[in-house]
N, C-alpha and C. Protein backbone atom coordinates (compact mmCIF):
# COMPACT_ATOMS: atom_id res chain seq x y z
N MET A 1 91.47 134.62 92.32
CA MET A 1 91.20 133.27 92.78
C MET A 1 89.99 132.75 92.02
N THR A 2 90.05 131.49 91.66
CA THR A 2 88.95 130.89 90.90
C THR A 2 87.75 130.65 91.82
N GLY A 3 86.62 130.42 91.20
CA GLY A 3 85.40 130.16 91.96
C GLY A 3 85.52 128.92 92.83
N ALA A 4 86.15 127.86 92.27
CA ALA A 4 86.33 126.61 93.02
C ALA A 4 87.26 126.84 94.22
N GLY A 5 88.30 127.63 94.01
CA GLY A 5 89.24 127.92 95.11
C GLY A 5 88.57 128.71 96.21
N MET A 6 87.72 129.67 95.81
CA MET A 6 86.99 130.49 96.77
C MET A 6 86.02 129.63 97.57
N ILE A 7 85.36 128.70 96.89
CA ILE A 7 84.42 127.81 97.58
C ILE A 7 85.16 126.94 98.58
N LYS A 8 86.35 126.42 98.20
CA LYS A 8 87.14 125.59 99.11
C LYS A 8 87.55 126.40 100.34
N MET A 9 88.04 127.62 100.13
CA MET A 9 88.45 128.46 101.25
C MET A 9 87.28 128.76 102.16
N LEU A 10 86.13 129.05 101.57
CA LEU A 10 84.93 129.33 102.35
C LEU A 10 84.53 128.10 103.17
N GLY A 11 84.61 126.93 102.54
CA GLY A 11 84.29 125.68 103.24
C GLY A 11 85.22 125.43 104.41
N VAL A 12 86.52 125.65 104.20
CA VAL A 12 87.50 125.47 105.28
C VAL A 12 87.22 126.47 106.40
N ALA A 13 86.94 127.72 106.02
CA ALA A 13 86.66 128.75 107.03
C ALA A 13 85.42 128.39 107.84
N LEU A 14 84.37 127.93 107.17
CA LEU A 14 83.16 127.52 107.88
C LEU A 14 83.43 126.34 108.79
N TRP A 15 84.18 125.35 108.30
CA TRP A 15 84.50 124.17 109.09
C TRP A 15 85.28 124.58 110.33
N LEU A 16 86.30 125.43 110.15
CA LEU A 16 87.08 125.89 111.31
C LEU A 16 86.20 126.68 112.28
N GLY A 17 85.31 127.51 111.72
CA GLY A 17 84.43 128.30 112.57
C GLY A 17 83.54 127.43 113.43
N VAL A 18 82.97 126.39 112.84
CA VAL A 18 82.10 125.48 113.58
C VAL A 18 82.92 124.67 114.58
N TRP A 19 84.09 124.20 114.15
CA TRP A 19 84.91 123.34 115.00
C TRP A 19 85.51 124.12 116.16
N LEU A 20 85.90 125.35 115.91
CA LEU A 20 86.55 126.15 116.94
C LEU A 20 85.57 126.97 117.78
N GLN A 21 84.30 126.97 117.43
CA GLN A 21 83.31 127.78 118.13
C GLN A 21 83.33 127.52 119.63
N PRO A 22 83.35 126.26 120.10
CA PRO A 22 83.38 126.05 121.55
C PRO A 22 84.62 126.64 122.20
N VAL A 23 85.73 126.70 121.47
CA VAL A 23 86.96 127.25 122.02
C VAL A 23 86.77 128.72 122.33
N TYR A 24 86.14 129.45 121.44
CA TYR A 24 85.94 130.88 121.64
C TYR A 24 84.79 131.17 122.60
N ALA A 25 84.05 130.18 122.95
CA ALA A 25 82.93 130.38 123.86
C ALA A 25 83.37 130.38 125.31
N GLY A 26 84.68 130.46 125.55
CA GLY A 26 85.17 130.54 126.90
C GLY A 26 85.69 129.24 127.45
N ASP A 27 85.62 128.16 126.68
CA ASP A 27 86.13 126.88 127.15
C ASP A 27 87.66 126.92 127.18
N ALA A 28 88.23 126.25 128.15
CA ALA A 28 89.69 126.12 128.21
C ALA A 28 90.13 125.13 127.14
N VAL A 29 91.20 125.46 126.47
CA VAL A 29 91.73 124.61 125.41
C VAL A 29 92.89 123.81 125.97
N LYS A 30 92.78 122.50 125.88
CA LYS A 30 93.86 121.62 126.33
C LYS A 30 94.39 120.87 125.11
N ILE A 31 95.65 121.11 124.82
CA ILE A 31 96.30 120.42 123.72
C ILE A 31 97.54 119.75 124.28
N GLY A 32 97.77 118.52 123.88
CA GLY A 32 98.94 117.79 124.33
C GLY A 32 99.80 117.38 123.15
N VAL A 33 101.02 117.01 123.46
CA VAL A 33 101.93 116.48 122.45
C VAL A 33 102.48 115.16 122.96
N MET A 34 102.86 114.31 122.02
CA MET A 34 103.45 113.03 122.38
C MET A 34 104.48 112.65 121.32
N ASP A 35 105.27 111.65 121.63
CA ASP A 35 106.26 111.14 120.69
C ASP A 35 105.98 109.65 120.49
N GLN A 36 105.47 109.30 119.29
CA GLN A 36 105.12 107.90 119.02
C GLN A 36 106.31 106.97 119.17
N GLN A 37 107.49 107.43 118.75
CA GLN A 37 108.68 106.59 118.84
C GLN A 37 108.98 106.23 120.28
N ILE A 38 108.84 107.19 121.17
CA ILE A 38 109.08 106.92 122.59
C ILE A 38 108.02 105.97 123.14
N VAL A 39 106.78 106.12 122.68
CA VAL A 39 105.73 105.20 123.12
C VAL A 39 106.12 103.77 122.72
N MET A 40 106.60 103.60 121.49
CA MET A 40 107.03 102.27 121.03
C MET A 40 108.18 101.74 121.88
N GLU A 41 109.15 102.59 122.16
CA GLU A 41 110.36 102.17 122.88
C GLU A 41 110.12 101.89 124.35
N ARG A 42 109.17 102.59 124.97
CA ARG A 42 108.96 102.46 126.41
C ARG A 42 107.83 101.51 126.79
N SER A 43 106.89 101.26 125.91
CA SER A 43 105.76 100.40 126.26
C SER A 43 106.17 98.93 126.15
N LYS A 44 105.50 98.11 126.92
CA LYS A 44 105.80 96.67 126.90
C LYS A 44 105.54 96.06 125.54
N ALA A 45 104.37 96.33 124.99
CA ALA A 45 104.01 95.76 123.68
C ALA A 45 104.92 96.31 122.59
N GLY A 46 105.25 97.59 122.68
CA GLY A 46 106.14 98.20 121.68
C GLY A 46 107.53 97.59 121.72
N LYS A 47 108.05 97.39 122.94
CA LYS A 47 109.37 96.76 123.09
C LYS A 47 109.37 95.37 122.48
N LEU A 48 108.29 94.62 122.73
CA LEU A 48 108.20 93.27 122.17
C LEU A 48 108.17 93.29 120.64
N ALA A 49 107.41 94.23 120.08
CA ALA A 49 107.32 94.34 118.62
C ALA A 49 108.67 94.73 118.02
N LEU A 50 109.35 95.69 118.64
CA LEU A 50 110.67 96.10 118.15
C LEU A 50 111.67 94.95 118.26
N GLU A 51 111.58 94.20 119.35
CA GLU A 51 112.48 93.05 119.53
C GLU A 51 112.19 91.97 118.50
N ASP A 52 110.92 91.77 118.18
CA ASP A 52 110.53 90.79 117.16
C ASP A 52 111.12 91.15 115.80
N VAL A 53 111.02 92.42 115.42
CA VAL A 53 111.58 92.85 114.13
C VAL A 53 113.11 92.71 114.15
N LYS A 54 113.72 93.05 115.27
CA LYS A 54 115.18 92.94 115.40
C LYS A 54 115.61 91.48 115.29
N SER A 55 114.90 90.59 115.95
CA SER A 55 115.21 89.17 115.90
C SER A 55 115.05 88.62 114.48
N TYR A 56 113.97 89.02 113.83
CA TYR A 56 113.72 88.61 112.45
C TYR A 56 114.87 89.05 111.55
N SER A 57 115.30 90.28 111.74
CA SER A 57 116.40 90.84 110.96
C SER A 57 117.71 90.10 111.25
N MET A 58 117.94 89.77 112.50
CA MET A 58 119.20 89.10 112.88
C MET A 58 119.27 87.68 112.30
N THR A 59 118.14 86.97 112.26
CA THR A 59 118.18 85.62 111.68
C THR A 59 118.50 85.70 110.19
N ARG A 60 117.97 86.72 109.53
CA ARG A 60 118.28 86.92 108.11
C ARG A 60 119.75 87.28 107.94
N GLN A 61 120.27 88.10 108.85
CA GLN A 61 121.67 88.51 108.77
C GLN A 61 122.61 87.33 108.96
N LYS A 62 122.25 86.39 109.82
CA LYS A 62 123.08 85.19 110.01
C LYS A 62 123.16 84.38 108.72
N ILE A 63 122.05 84.27 108.01
CA ILE A 63 122.03 83.53 106.74
C ILE A 63 122.91 84.25 105.72
N ILE A 64 122.80 85.57 105.67
CA ILE A 64 123.63 86.37 104.74
C ILE A 64 125.10 86.21 105.09
N ASN A 65 125.44 86.26 106.37
CA ASN A 65 126.83 86.09 106.79
C ASN A 65 127.37 84.72 106.38
N ALA A 66 126.55 83.68 106.52
CA ALA A 66 126.97 82.33 106.11
C ALA A 66 127.19 82.27 104.60
N ASP A 67 126.31 82.91 103.85
CA ASP A 67 126.48 82.96 102.39
C ASP A 67 127.76 83.68 102.01
N GLU A 68 128.04 84.80 102.68
CA GLU A 68 129.28 85.54 102.41
C GLU A 68 130.50 84.69 102.67
N GLN A 69 130.48 83.97 103.79
CA GLN A 69 131.62 83.13 104.14
C GLN A 69 131.80 82.01 103.11
N GLU A 70 130.70 81.44 102.67
CA GLU A 70 130.77 80.38 101.65
C GLU A 70 131.40 80.91 100.36
N ILE A 71 131.03 82.11 99.97
CA ILE A 71 131.59 82.71 98.75
C ILE A 71 133.08 82.98 98.94
N LYS A 72 133.46 83.51 100.10
CA LYS A 72 134.89 83.77 100.37
C LYS A 72 135.70 82.48 100.32
N ASP A 73 135.17 81.44 100.96
CA ASP A 73 135.87 80.15 100.96
C ASP A 73 136.00 79.61 99.54
N PHE A 74 134.96 79.73 98.76
CA PHE A 74 134.98 79.25 97.38
C PHE A 74 136.00 80.03 96.56
N GLU A 75 136.06 81.36 96.76
CA GLU A 75 137.04 82.19 96.05
C GLU A 75 138.46 81.78 96.43
N GLN A 76 138.68 81.56 97.71
CA GLN A 76 140.03 81.17 98.17
C GLN A 76 140.45 79.84 97.58
N SER A 77 139.51 78.89 97.51
CA SER A 77 139.86 77.59 96.94
C SER A 77 140.19 77.72 95.45
N LEU A 78 139.54 78.65 94.79
CA LEU A 78 139.82 78.89 93.37
C LEU A 78 141.19 79.53 93.17
N GLN A 79 141.60 80.38 94.09
CA GLN A 79 142.86 81.10 93.96
C GLN A 79 144.03 80.36 94.58
N ASP A 80 143.78 79.25 95.20
CA ASP A 80 144.84 78.46 95.84
C ASP A 80 145.85 77.99 94.80
N PRO A 81 147.13 78.37 94.97
CA PRO A 81 148.15 77.96 93.99
C PRO A 81 148.38 76.44 93.98
N ASN A 82 148.05 75.77 95.05
CA ASN A 82 148.23 74.32 95.12
C ASN A 82 147.11 73.57 94.40
N ASN A 83 146.08 74.29 94.04
CA ASN A 83 144.95 73.69 93.36
C ASN A 83 145.30 73.48 91.89
N LYS A 84 145.43 72.26 91.49
CA LYS A 84 145.84 71.90 90.12
C LYS A 84 144.61 71.54 89.30
N LEU A 85 143.84 72.56 88.92
CA LEU A 85 142.64 72.32 88.12
C LEU A 85 142.95 72.54 86.64
N SER A 86 142.29 71.76 85.83
CA SER A 86 142.41 71.98 84.39
C SER A 86 141.71 73.30 84.06
N GLU A 87 141.98 73.85 82.90
CA GLU A 87 141.35 75.11 82.48
C GLU A 87 139.83 74.96 82.43
N ALA A 88 139.33 73.84 81.95
CA ALA A 88 137.89 73.60 81.88
C ALA A 88 137.29 73.54 83.29
N ALA A 89 137.96 72.87 84.22
CA ALA A 89 137.48 72.76 85.59
C ALA A 89 137.51 74.12 86.27
N LYS A 90 138.55 74.91 85.98
CA LYS A 90 138.66 76.25 86.54
C LYS A 90 137.51 77.13 86.06
N GLN A 91 137.20 77.04 84.76
CA GLN A 91 136.09 77.82 84.21
C GLN A 91 134.76 77.39 84.83
N GLU A 92 134.61 76.11 85.04
CA GLU A 92 133.38 75.60 85.65
C GLU A 92 133.24 76.14 87.09
N LYS A 93 134.35 76.13 87.84
CA LYS A 93 134.34 76.65 89.21
C LYS A 93 134.04 78.16 89.22
N GLN A 94 134.58 78.90 88.25
CA GLN A 94 134.31 80.34 88.17
C GLN A 94 132.83 80.59 87.87
N GLU A 95 132.26 79.73 87.02
CA GLU A 95 130.83 79.84 86.71
C GLU A 95 130.00 79.55 87.97
N GLN A 96 130.41 78.55 88.73
CA GLN A 96 129.72 78.24 89.99
C GLN A 96 129.81 79.43 90.95
N LEU A 97 130.98 80.06 90.99
CA LEU A 97 131.17 81.22 91.86
C LEU A 97 130.24 82.37 91.43
N ARG A 98 130.16 82.63 90.14
CA ARG A 98 129.26 83.67 89.64
C ARG A 98 127.80 83.37 90.03
N ASN A 99 127.43 82.11 89.89
CA ASN A 99 126.06 81.71 90.27
C ASN A 99 125.81 81.91 91.77
N LYS A 100 126.81 81.58 92.58
CA LYS A 100 126.68 81.77 94.03
C LYS A 100 126.55 83.26 94.37
N VAL A 101 127.34 84.09 93.71
CA VAL A 101 127.29 85.53 93.97
C VAL A 101 125.92 86.10 93.54
N GLU A 102 125.43 85.66 92.40
CA GLU A 102 124.11 86.13 91.95
C GLU A 102 123.01 85.68 92.91
N ALA A 103 123.08 84.45 93.36
CA ALA A 103 122.08 83.94 94.31
C ALA A 103 122.17 84.72 95.63
N TYR A 104 123.39 85.02 96.06
CA TYR A 104 123.61 85.80 97.27
C TYR A 104 122.98 87.19 97.13
N GLN A 105 123.21 87.84 96.00
CA GLN A 105 122.67 89.18 95.78
C GLN A 105 121.14 89.16 95.75
N ARG A 106 120.56 88.15 95.11
CA ARG A 106 119.09 88.03 95.09
C ARG A 106 118.55 87.82 96.50
N ARG A 107 119.20 86.94 97.25
CA ARG A 107 118.74 86.66 98.63
C ARG A 107 118.85 87.92 99.48
N LEU A 108 119.94 88.65 99.32
CA LEU A 108 120.13 89.88 100.08
C LEU A 108 119.01 90.89 99.77
N GLN A 109 118.70 91.05 98.50
CA GLN A 109 117.61 91.95 98.10
C GLN A 109 116.26 91.47 98.65
N ASP A 110 116.01 90.17 98.56
CA ASP A 110 114.76 89.61 99.07
C ASP A 110 114.64 89.83 100.58
N PHE A 111 115.72 89.55 101.30
CA PHE A 111 115.70 89.73 102.75
C PHE A 111 115.49 91.19 103.12
N ASN A 112 116.14 92.10 102.40
CA ASN A 112 115.95 93.52 102.69
C ASN A 112 114.51 93.93 102.46
N ARG A 113 113.91 93.44 101.38
CA ARG A 113 112.50 93.75 101.11
C ARG A 113 111.61 93.18 102.22
N GLU A 114 111.88 91.93 102.62
CA GLU A 114 111.08 91.30 103.69
C GLU A 114 111.17 92.09 104.99
N ILE A 115 112.37 92.50 105.35
CA ILE A 115 112.56 93.24 106.60
C ILE A 115 111.86 94.59 106.53
N GLN A 116 112.00 95.28 105.41
CA GLN A 116 111.32 96.56 105.25
C GLN A 116 109.80 96.39 105.31
N GLN A 117 109.29 95.34 104.70
CA GLN A 117 107.85 95.07 104.73
C GLN A 117 107.39 94.79 106.15
N LYS A 118 108.15 93.98 106.87
CA LYS A 118 107.81 93.67 108.26
C LYS A 118 107.81 94.94 109.11
N GLN A 119 108.79 95.80 108.89
CA GLN A 119 108.85 97.07 109.63
C GLN A 119 107.65 97.95 109.29
N ARG A 120 107.31 98.05 108.01
CA ARG A 120 106.15 98.86 107.60
C ARG A 120 104.87 98.34 108.24
N GLU A 121 104.70 97.02 108.23
CA GLU A 121 103.50 96.43 108.82
C GLU A 121 103.43 96.71 110.32
N MET A 122 104.57 96.58 111.00
CA MET A 122 104.61 96.83 112.43
C MET A 122 104.30 98.29 112.72
N VAL A 123 104.88 99.21 111.95
CA VAL A 123 104.63 100.63 112.15
C VAL A 123 103.15 100.95 111.92
N ALA A 124 102.57 100.40 110.87
CA ALA A 124 101.15 100.65 110.59
C ALA A 124 100.27 100.13 111.72
N GLU A 125 100.53 98.90 112.15
CA GLU A 125 99.73 98.31 113.22
C GLU A 125 99.85 99.09 114.52
N TYR A 126 101.06 99.43 114.89
CA TYR A 126 101.27 100.08 116.18
C TYR A 126 100.93 101.56 116.14
N SER A 127 101.01 102.20 114.98
CA SER A 127 100.58 103.60 114.88
C SER A 127 99.08 103.69 115.18
N LYS A 128 98.33 102.73 114.68
CA LYS A 128 96.88 102.69 114.94
C LYS A 128 96.63 102.47 116.44
N LYS A 129 97.35 101.53 117.03
CA LYS A 129 97.17 101.25 118.46
C LYS A 129 97.57 102.44 119.32
N ILE A 130 98.65 103.12 118.93
CA ILE A 130 99.09 104.29 119.68
C ILE A 130 98.07 105.42 119.54
N ALA A 131 97.52 105.57 118.34
CA ALA A 131 96.48 106.58 118.12
C ALA A 131 95.26 106.29 119.00
N ASP A 132 94.89 105.02 119.12
CA ASP A 132 93.77 104.65 119.99
C ASP A 132 94.06 105.01 121.44
N ALA A 133 95.28 104.73 121.89
CA ALA A 133 95.66 105.05 123.27
C ALA A 133 95.67 106.57 123.47
N ALA A 134 96.18 107.30 122.49
CA ALA A 134 96.20 108.77 122.59
C ALA A 134 94.77 109.33 122.63
N GLN A 135 93.89 108.74 121.84
CA GLN A 135 92.49 109.19 121.84
C GLN A 135 91.86 108.94 123.22
N MET A 136 92.15 107.81 123.81
CA MET A 136 91.61 107.50 125.13
C MET A 136 92.14 108.49 126.17
N VAL A 137 93.44 108.80 126.11
CA VAL A 137 94.02 109.78 127.03
C VAL A 137 93.34 111.13 126.82
N ALA A 138 93.15 111.53 125.58
CA ALA A 138 92.51 112.81 125.28
C ALA A 138 91.11 112.87 125.87
N GLN A 139 90.36 111.78 125.71
CA GLN A 139 88.99 111.75 126.23
C GLN A 139 88.97 111.77 127.76
N LYS A 140 89.84 110.99 128.38
CA LYS A 140 89.88 110.92 129.85
C LYS A 140 90.34 112.24 130.46
N GLU A 141 91.34 112.87 129.83
CA GLU A 141 91.97 114.05 130.42
C GLU A 141 91.41 115.37 129.88
N GLY A 142 90.49 115.29 128.91
CA GLY A 142 89.86 116.49 128.39
C GLY A 142 90.70 117.28 127.39
N TYR A 143 91.54 116.60 126.64
CA TYR A 143 92.34 117.28 125.62
C TYR A 143 91.53 117.46 124.35
N LEU A 144 91.66 118.64 123.75
CA LEU A 144 91.02 118.92 122.47
C LEU A 144 91.78 118.20 121.36
N ALA A 145 93.10 118.13 121.52
CA ALA A 145 93.94 117.48 120.51
C ALA A 145 95.22 117.00 121.17
N ILE A 146 95.76 115.91 120.63
CA ILE A 146 97.10 115.45 120.98
C ILE A 146 97.86 115.31 119.67
N LEU A 147 98.94 116.04 119.57
CA LEU A 147 99.74 116.07 118.35
C LEU A 147 100.98 115.22 118.52
N ASP A 148 101.41 114.59 117.45
CA ASP A 148 102.66 113.83 117.47
C ASP A 148 103.80 114.80 117.22
N LYS A 149 104.79 114.81 118.10
CA LYS A 149 105.93 115.71 117.94
C LYS A 149 106.77 115.36 116.72
N GLY A 150 106.79 114.09 116.36
CA GLY A 150 107.70 113.67 115.30
C GLY A 150 109.11 113.63 115.88
N ASN A 151 110.09 113.39 115.00
CA ASN A 151 111.48 113.40 115.46
C ASN A 151 112.38 113.81 114.31
N GLU A 152 113.67 113.82 114.56
CA GLU A 152 114.63 114.31 113.57
C GLU A 152 114.62 113.47 112.29
N SER A 153 114.40 112.17 112.41
CA SER A 153 114.46 111.31 111.22
C SER A 153 113.16 111.33 110.41
N LEU A 154 112.09 111.78 111.03
CA LEU A 154 110.80 111.88 110.34
C LEU A 154 110.43 113.36 110.23
N ILE A 155 109.25 113.60 109.75
CA ILE A 155 108.78 114.98 109.68
C ILE A 155 108.52 115.47 111.10
N ARG A 156 109.09 116.60 111.41
CA ARG A 156 108.88 117.20 112.74
C ARG A 156 107.60 118.02 112.67
N ILE A 157 106.57 117.57 113.38
CA ILE A 157 105.26 118.20 113.33
C ILE A 157 105.22 119.41 114.27
N VAL A 158 105.67 119.23 115.49
CA VAL A 158 105.63 120.28 116.49
C VAL A 158 107.04 120.85 116.62
N ILE A 159 107.19 122.11 116.35
CA ILE A 159 108.50 122.76 116.42
C ILE A 159 108.86 123.09 117.86
N TYR A 160 107.89 123.57 118.61
CA TYR A 160 108.12 123.94 120.00
C TYR A 160 106.88 123.61 120.81
N HIS A 161 107.11 123.22 122.05
CA HIS A 161 106.01 123.04 123.00
C HIS A 161 106.56 123.16 124.41
N GLN A 162 105.73 123.55 125.31
CA GLN A 162 106.13 123.59 126.71
C GLN A 162 106.16 122.16 127.23
N PRO A 163 107.14 121.82 128.02
CA PRO A 163 107.22 120.44 128.53
C PRO A 163 105.97 119.97 129.24
N ALA A 164 105.22 120.86 129.83
CA ALA A 164 103.99 120.47 130.55
C ALA A 164 102.93 119.91 129.59
N LEU A 165 103.05 120.18 128.30
CA LEU A 165 102.08 119.69 127.32
C LEU A 165 102.35 118.25 126.90
N ASP A 166 103.52 117.72 127.24
CA ASP A 166 103.91 116.39 126.79
C ASP A 166 103.14 115.31 127.57
N VAL A 167 102.34 114.54 126.85
CA VAL A 167 101.54 113.48 127.46
C VAL A 167 102.05 112.10 127.06
N THR A 168 103.29 112.03 126.58
CA THR A 168 103.85 110.75 126.12
C THR A 168 103.74 109.68 127.19
N ASP A 169 104.09 110.02 128.43
CA ASP A 169 104.04 109.01 129.50
C ASP A 169 102.63 108.51 129.75
N LEU A 170 101.64 109.41 129.67
CA LEU A 170 100.25 108.98 129.83
C LEU A 170 99.83 108.04 128.70
N VAL A 171 100.29 108.34 127.49
CA VAL A 171 99.96 107.49 126.34
C VAL A 171 100.65 106.14 126.48
N VAL A 172 101.88 106.11 126.98
CA VAL A 172 102.58 104.84 127.21
C VAL A 172 101.78 103.98 128.18
N LYS A 173 101.35 104.58 129.27
CA LYS A 173 100.57 103.83 130.28
C LYS A 173 99.26 103.30 129.69
N GLU A 174 98.56 104.14 128.95
CA GLU A 174 97.30 103.73 128.34
C GLU A 174 97.54 102.65 127.29
N PHE A 175 98.60 102.82 126.51
CA PHE A 175 98.94 101.84 125.48
C PHE A 175 99.21 100.48 126.12
N ASP A 176 99.98 100.48 127.21
CA ASP A 176 100.25 99.23 127.92
C ASP A 176 98.96 98.62 128.48
N ARG A 177 98.10 99.48 129.01
CA ARG A 177 96.83 98.99 129.57
C ARG A 177 95.99 98.33 128.48
N GLN A 178 95.94 98.94 127.30
CA GLN A 178 95.12 98.41 126.20
C GLN A 178 95.73 97.18 125.53
N ASN A 179 97.04 97.02 125.63
CA ASN A 179 97.72 95.98 124.86
C ASN A 179 98.37 94.90 125.72
N ASN A 180 97.84 94.66 126.86
CA ASN A 180 98.35 93.56 127.70
C ASN A 180 97.38 92.43 127.76
């Protein structure tokens, strides 16, 4: 091991020794777990934020659906056998259709980026608020740490825990208290 690596390990060991010293001094260790996703889904403020993002997404989807219908209608009018267009007029209509499809694709990409950005902003904002609520629960209840369990779609932080360690409901209550 290099000298720098040894120094880092020594620093981590010293930090853990100082941080964990009260634990070994006979103090009871209280650690809790919570699920941030459940806090978002069950809390009043979280439900409102999720509904806001869903509503934002649905308004964008309505615009996309209208654009799709316009393109379908335009295609059908072009393919109508009763439509007696000159070759030049037909080419012009096909060019208009290509332009509409390109505009549709750009709008779809823009809307997807906007929705993803809105979701990221909401997650960042509410993760901080949930962390604040968890910290308050930890201080009030005497927890040394509260860990996020994670879930199947994200990184699973806690592999196993006893159900008695789950403080999600306490964090939901504190989160609602802080955000009303």
